């Protein structure tokens, strides 16, 4: 019972209606952008990149919470009580 619901939740998150928020918000903005900006900071580029780096981490965290709650709310009606 739980395996089918969790499979649907993962599918919804990775490929379904929550995929944009997950891939763009969490992966791109919350993981990839901070890594790239940290590399630029180490090579002596503008210190203002730290602000952009921190903001992108915060946006990624908000997207992570939004995805977790959103997928859980949409998959809750899938539970079948026998």
N, C-alpha and C. Protein backbone atom coordinates (compact mmCIF):
# COMPACT_ATOMS: atom_id res chain seq x y z
N UNK A 1 0.83 -1.19 0.00
CA UNK A 1 0.00 0.00 0.00
C UNK A 1 0.87 1.25 0.00
N UNK A 2 1.87 1.32 0.85
CA UNK A 2 2.69 2.51 0.92
C UNK A 2 3.64 2.61 -0.26
N UNK A 3 4.04 1.50 -0.82
CA UNK A 3 4.98 1.56 -1.92
C UNK A 3 4.35 2.20 -3.17
N UNK A 4 3.10 1.93 -3.43
CA UNK A 4 2.44 2.53 -4.58
C UNK A 4 2.26 4.04 -4.39
N UNK A 5 1.91 4.45 -3.18
CA UNK A 5 1.73 5.87 -2.91
C UNK A 5 3.06 6.60 -3.00
N UNK A 6 4.10 6.01 -2.45
CA UNK A 6 5.41 6.66 -2.53
C UNK A 6 5.92 6.69 -3.97
N UNK A 7 5.63 5.68 -4.74
CA UNK A 7 6.02 5.67 -6.15
C UNK A 7 5.29 6.78 -6.92
N UNK A 8 4.02 6.97 -6.63
CA UNK A 8 3.27 8.04 -7.28
C UNK A 8 3.79 9.41 -6.86
N UNK A 9 4.15 9.55 -5.60
CA UNK A 9 4.68 10.83 -5.12
C UNK A 9 6.01 11.15 -5.79
N UNK A 10 6.88 10.18 -5.89
CA UNK A 10 8.18 10.40 -6.55
C UNK A 10 7.99 10.70 -8.04
N UNK A 11 7.09 10.02 -8.67
CA UNK A 11 6.81 10.27 -10.08
C UNK A 11 6.25 11.67 -10.29
N UNK A 12 5.38 12.08 -9.39
CA UNK A 12 4.80 13.42 -9.48
C UNK A 12 5.87 14.48 -9.26
N UNK A 13 6.81 14.20 -8.38
CA UNK A 13 7.87 15.16 -8.08
C UNK A 13 8.91 15.24 -9.19
N UNK A 14 9.30 14.11 -9.73
CA UNK A 14 10.37 14.09 -10.72
C UNK A 14 9.92 14.35 -12.14
N UNK A 15 8.71 13.90 -12.49
CA UNK A 15 8.26 13.98 -13.88
C UNK A 15 6.89 14.63 -14.04
N UNK A 16 6.14 14.80 -12.98
CA UNK A 16 4.76 15.27 -13.07
C UNK A 16 4.61 16.76 -12.92
N UNK A 17 3.55 17.14 -12.26
CA UNK A 17 3.20 18.56 -12.16
C UNK A 17 4.10 19.34 -11.21
N UNK A 18 4.84 18.68 -10.34
CA UNK A 18 5.78 19.35 -9.43
C UNK A 18 7.20 19.34 -9.97
N UNK A 19 7.41 18.84 -11.16
CA UNK A 19 8.76 18.69 -11.70
C UNK A 19 9.43 20.05 -11.94
N UNK A 20 8.69 21.05 -12.38
CA UNK A 20 9.29 22.36 -12.62
C UNK A 20 9.84 22.97 -11.34
N UNK A 21 9.05 22.91 -10.29
CA UNK A 21 9.49 23.46 -9.00
C UNK A 21 10.69 22.68 -8.48
N UNK A 22 10.68 21.37 -8.66
CA UNK A 22 11.77 20.56 -8.16
C UNK A 22 13.06 20.81 -8.94
N UNK A 23 13.01 20.67 -10.26
CA UNK A 23 14.23 20.77 -11.05
C UNK A 23 14.77 22.19 -11.13
N UNK A 24 13.90 23.16 -11.36
CA UNK A 24 14.38 24.54 -11.49
C UNK A 24 14.63 25.17 -10.12
N UNK A 25 13.65 25.04 -9.24
CA UNK A 25 13.77 25.70 -7.94
C UNK A 25 14.77 25.06 -7.02
N UNK A 26 14.66 23.76 -6.84
CA UNK A 26 15.53 23.08 -5.88
C UNK A 26 16.88 22.73 -6.48
N UNK A 27 16.89 22.01 -7.58
CA UNK A 27 18.16 21.52 -8.13
C UNK A 27 18.98 22.66 -8.73
N UNK A 28 18.38 23.43 -9.62
CA UNK A 28 19.13 24.47 -10.30
C UNK A 28 19.45 25.64 -9.38
N UNK A 29 18.42 26.17 -8.74
CA UNK A 29 18.60 27.37 -7.93
C UNK A 29 19.18 27.07 -6.55
N UNK A 30 18.89 25.92 -6.00
CA UNK A 30 19.34 25.61 -4.65
C UNK A 30 20.62 24.82 -4.56
N UNK A 31 21.01 24.13 -5.64
CA UNK A 31 22.22 23.31 -5.57
C UNK A 31 23.26 23.74 -6.60
N UNK A 32 22.87 23.82 -7.87
CA UNK A 32 23.84 24.10 -8.94
C UNK A 32 24.33 25.55 -8.87
N UNK A 33 23.42 26.50 -8.74
CA UNK A 33 23.81 27.91 -8.71
C UNK A 33 24.75 28.23 -7.55
N UNK A 34 24.48 27.78 -6.32
CA UNK A 34 25.43 28.06 -5.24
C UNK A 34 26.81 27.45 -5.47
N UNK A 35 26.86 26.26 -6.07
CA UNK A 35 28.16 25.65 -6.36
C UNK A 35 28.95 26.46 -7.39
N UNK A 36 28.28 26.89 -8.44
CA UNK A 36 28.94 27.68 -9.47
C UNK A 36 29.38 29.03 -8.90
N UNK A 37 28.51 29.67 -8.13
CA UNK A 37 28.85 30.97 -7.55
C UNK A 37 29.99 30.85 -6.54
N UNK A 38 30.04 29.77 -5.80
CA UNK A 38 31.14 29.56 -4.87
C UNK A 38 32.47 29.40 -5.61
N UNK A 39 32.44 28.76 -6.77
CA UNK A 39 33.67 28.65 -7.57
C UNK A 39 34.11 30.01 -8.07
N UNK A 40 33.17 30.86 -8.49
CA UNK A 40 33.53 32.20 -8.92
C UNK A 40 34.07 33.04 -7.77
N UNK A 41 33.49 32.88 -6.58
CA UNK A 41 33.96 33.62 -5.41
C UNK A 41 35.40 33.25 -5.07
N UNK A 42 35.75 32.00 -5.21
CA UNK A 42 37.12 31.55 -4.89
C UNK A 42 38.15 32.11 -5.86
N UNK A 43 37.73 32.43 -7.06
CA UNK A 43 38.66 32.96 -8.05
C UNK A 43 38.73 34.49 -8.00
N UNK A 44 38.14 35.08 -6.99
CA UNK A 44 38.30 36.52 -6.77
C UNK A 44 37.32 37.41 -7.50
N UNK A 45 36.21 36.88 -7.95
CA UNK A 45 35.21 37.75 -8.57
C UNK A 45 34.46 38.53 -7.50
N UNK A 46 33.49 39.29 -7.89
CA UNK A 46 32.81 40.25 -7.02
C UNK A 46 32.30 39.62 -5.72
N UNK A 47 32.59 40.27 -4.60
CA UNK A 47 32.08 39.76 -3.32
C UNK A 47 30.55 39.83 -3.21
N UNK A 48 29.94 40.60 -4.09
CA UNK A 48 28.48 40.67 -4.09
C UNK A 48 27.85 39.34 -4.49
N UNK A 49 28.64 38.45 -5.05
CA UNK A 49 28.12 37.13 -5.40
C UNK A 49 27.71 36.34 -4.16
N UNK A 50 28.28 36.68 -3.01
CA UNK A 50 27.89 36.00 -1.77
C UNK A 50 26.42 36.23 -1.46
N UNK A 51 25.94 37.44 -1.74
CA UNK A 51 24.53 37.75 -1.52
C UNK A 51 23.64 36.92 -2.44
N UNK A 52 24.01 36.84 -3.70
CA UNK A 52 23.25 36.05 -4.67
C UNK A 52 23.32 34.58 -4.30
N UNK A 53 24.49 34.14 -3.85
CA UNK A 53 24.68 32.75 -3.42
C UNK A 53 23.75 32.42 -2.25
N UNK A 54 23.73 33.26 -1.26
CA UNK A 54 22.86 33.02 -0.10
C UNK A 54 21.38 33.05 -0.45
N UNK A 55 21.00 33.97 -1.32
CA UNK A 55 19.59 34.05 -1.73
C UNK A 55 19.18 32.82 -2.52
N UNK A 56 20.07 32.32 -3.35
CA UNK A 56 19.71 31.13 -4.13
C UNK A 56 19.59 29.90 -3.23
N UNK A 57 20.39 29.83 -2.18
CA UNK A 57 20.26 28.73 -1.22
C UNK A 57 18.91 28.82 -0.51
N UNK A 58 18.51 30.03 -0.13
CA UNK A 58 17.21 30.21 0.54
C UNK A 58 16.06 29.85 -0.40
N UNK A 59 16.14 30.25 -1.65
CA UNK A 59 15.09 29.91 -2.62
C UNK A 59 15.02 28.40 -2.80
N UNK A 60 16.16 27.75 -2.86
CA UNK A 60 16.18 26.29 -2.97
C UNK A 60 15.55 25.61 -1.76
N UNK A 61 15.81 26.13 -0.56
CA UNK A 61 15.20 25.57 0.65
C UNK A 61 13.70 25.74 0.68
N UNK A 62 13.23 26.89 0.24
CA UNK A 62 11.78 27.11 0.18
C UNK A 62 11.14 26.18 -0.84
N UNK A 63 11.79 26.00 -1.97
CA UNK A 63 11.26 25.08 -2.98
C UNK A 63 11.24 23.64 -2.48
N UNK A 64 12.25 23.26 -1.71
CA UNK A 64 12.27 21.92 -1.14
C UNK A 64 11.09 21.71 -0.21
N UNK A 65 10.84 22.63 0.68
CA UNK A 65 9.70 22.52 1.59
C UNK A 65 8.38 22.53 0.82
N UNK A 66 8.30 23.40 -0.18
CA UNK A 66 7.08 23.50 -0.98
C UNK A 66 6.80 22.18 -1.71
N UNK A 67 7.86 21.57 -2.25
CA UNK A 67 7.70 20.29 -2.95
C UNK A 67 7.27 19.19 -2.00
N UNK A 68 7.87 19.11 -0.85
CA UNK A 68 7.54 18.06 0.11
C UNK A 68 6.09 18.16 0.55
N UNK A 69 5.67 19.37 0.90
CA UNK A 69 4.29 19.55 1.36
C UNK A 69 3.32 19.37 0.21
N UNK A 70 3.65 19.89 -0.95
CA UNK A 70 2.74 19.79 -2.09
C UNK A 70 2.52 18.37 -2.55
N UNK A 71 3.58 17.61 -2.65
CA UNK A 71 3.46 16.21 -3.08
C UNK A 71 2.72 15.39 -2.03
N UNK A 72 2.96 15.68 -0.77
CA UNK A 72 2.25 14.95 0.29
C UNK A 72 0.76 15.26 0.28
N UNK A 73 0.40 16.49 0.01
CA UNK A 73 -1.02 16.85 -0.02
C UNK A 73 -1.73 16.21 -1.21
N UNK A 74 -1.07 16.16 -2.35
CA UNK A 74 -1.71 15.58 -3.53
C UNK A 74 -1.77 14.07 -3.47
N UNK A 75 -0.82 13.44 -2.77
CA UNK A 75 -0.82 11.99 -2.74
C UNK A 75 -1.62 11.43 -1.56
N UNK A 76 -2.07 12.27 -0.65
CA UNK A 76 -2.82 11.78 0.51
C UNK A 76 -4.11 11.06 0.14
N UNK A 77 -4.90 11.52 -0.84
CA UNK A 77 -6.11 10.79 -1.18
C UNK A 77 -5.87 9.42 -1.79
N UNK A 78 -4.63 9.08 -2.10
CA UNK A 78 -4.32 7.78 -2.70
C UNK A 78 -4.36 6.65 -1.69
N UNK A 79 -4.33 6.98 -0.40
CA UNK A 79 -4.35 5.95 0.62
C UNK A 79 -5.70 5.25 0.61
N UNK A 80 -5.69 3.96 0.57
CA UNK A 80 -6.91 3.17 0.55
C UNK A 80 -6.96 2.35 1.83
N UNK A 81 -8.01 2.54 2.60
CA UNK A 81 -8.17 1.81 3.85
C UNK A 81 -9.01 0.57 3.56
N UNK A 82 -8.44 -0.57 3.84
CA UNK A 82 -9.17 -1.82 3.56
C UNK A 82 -9.87 -2.32 4.79
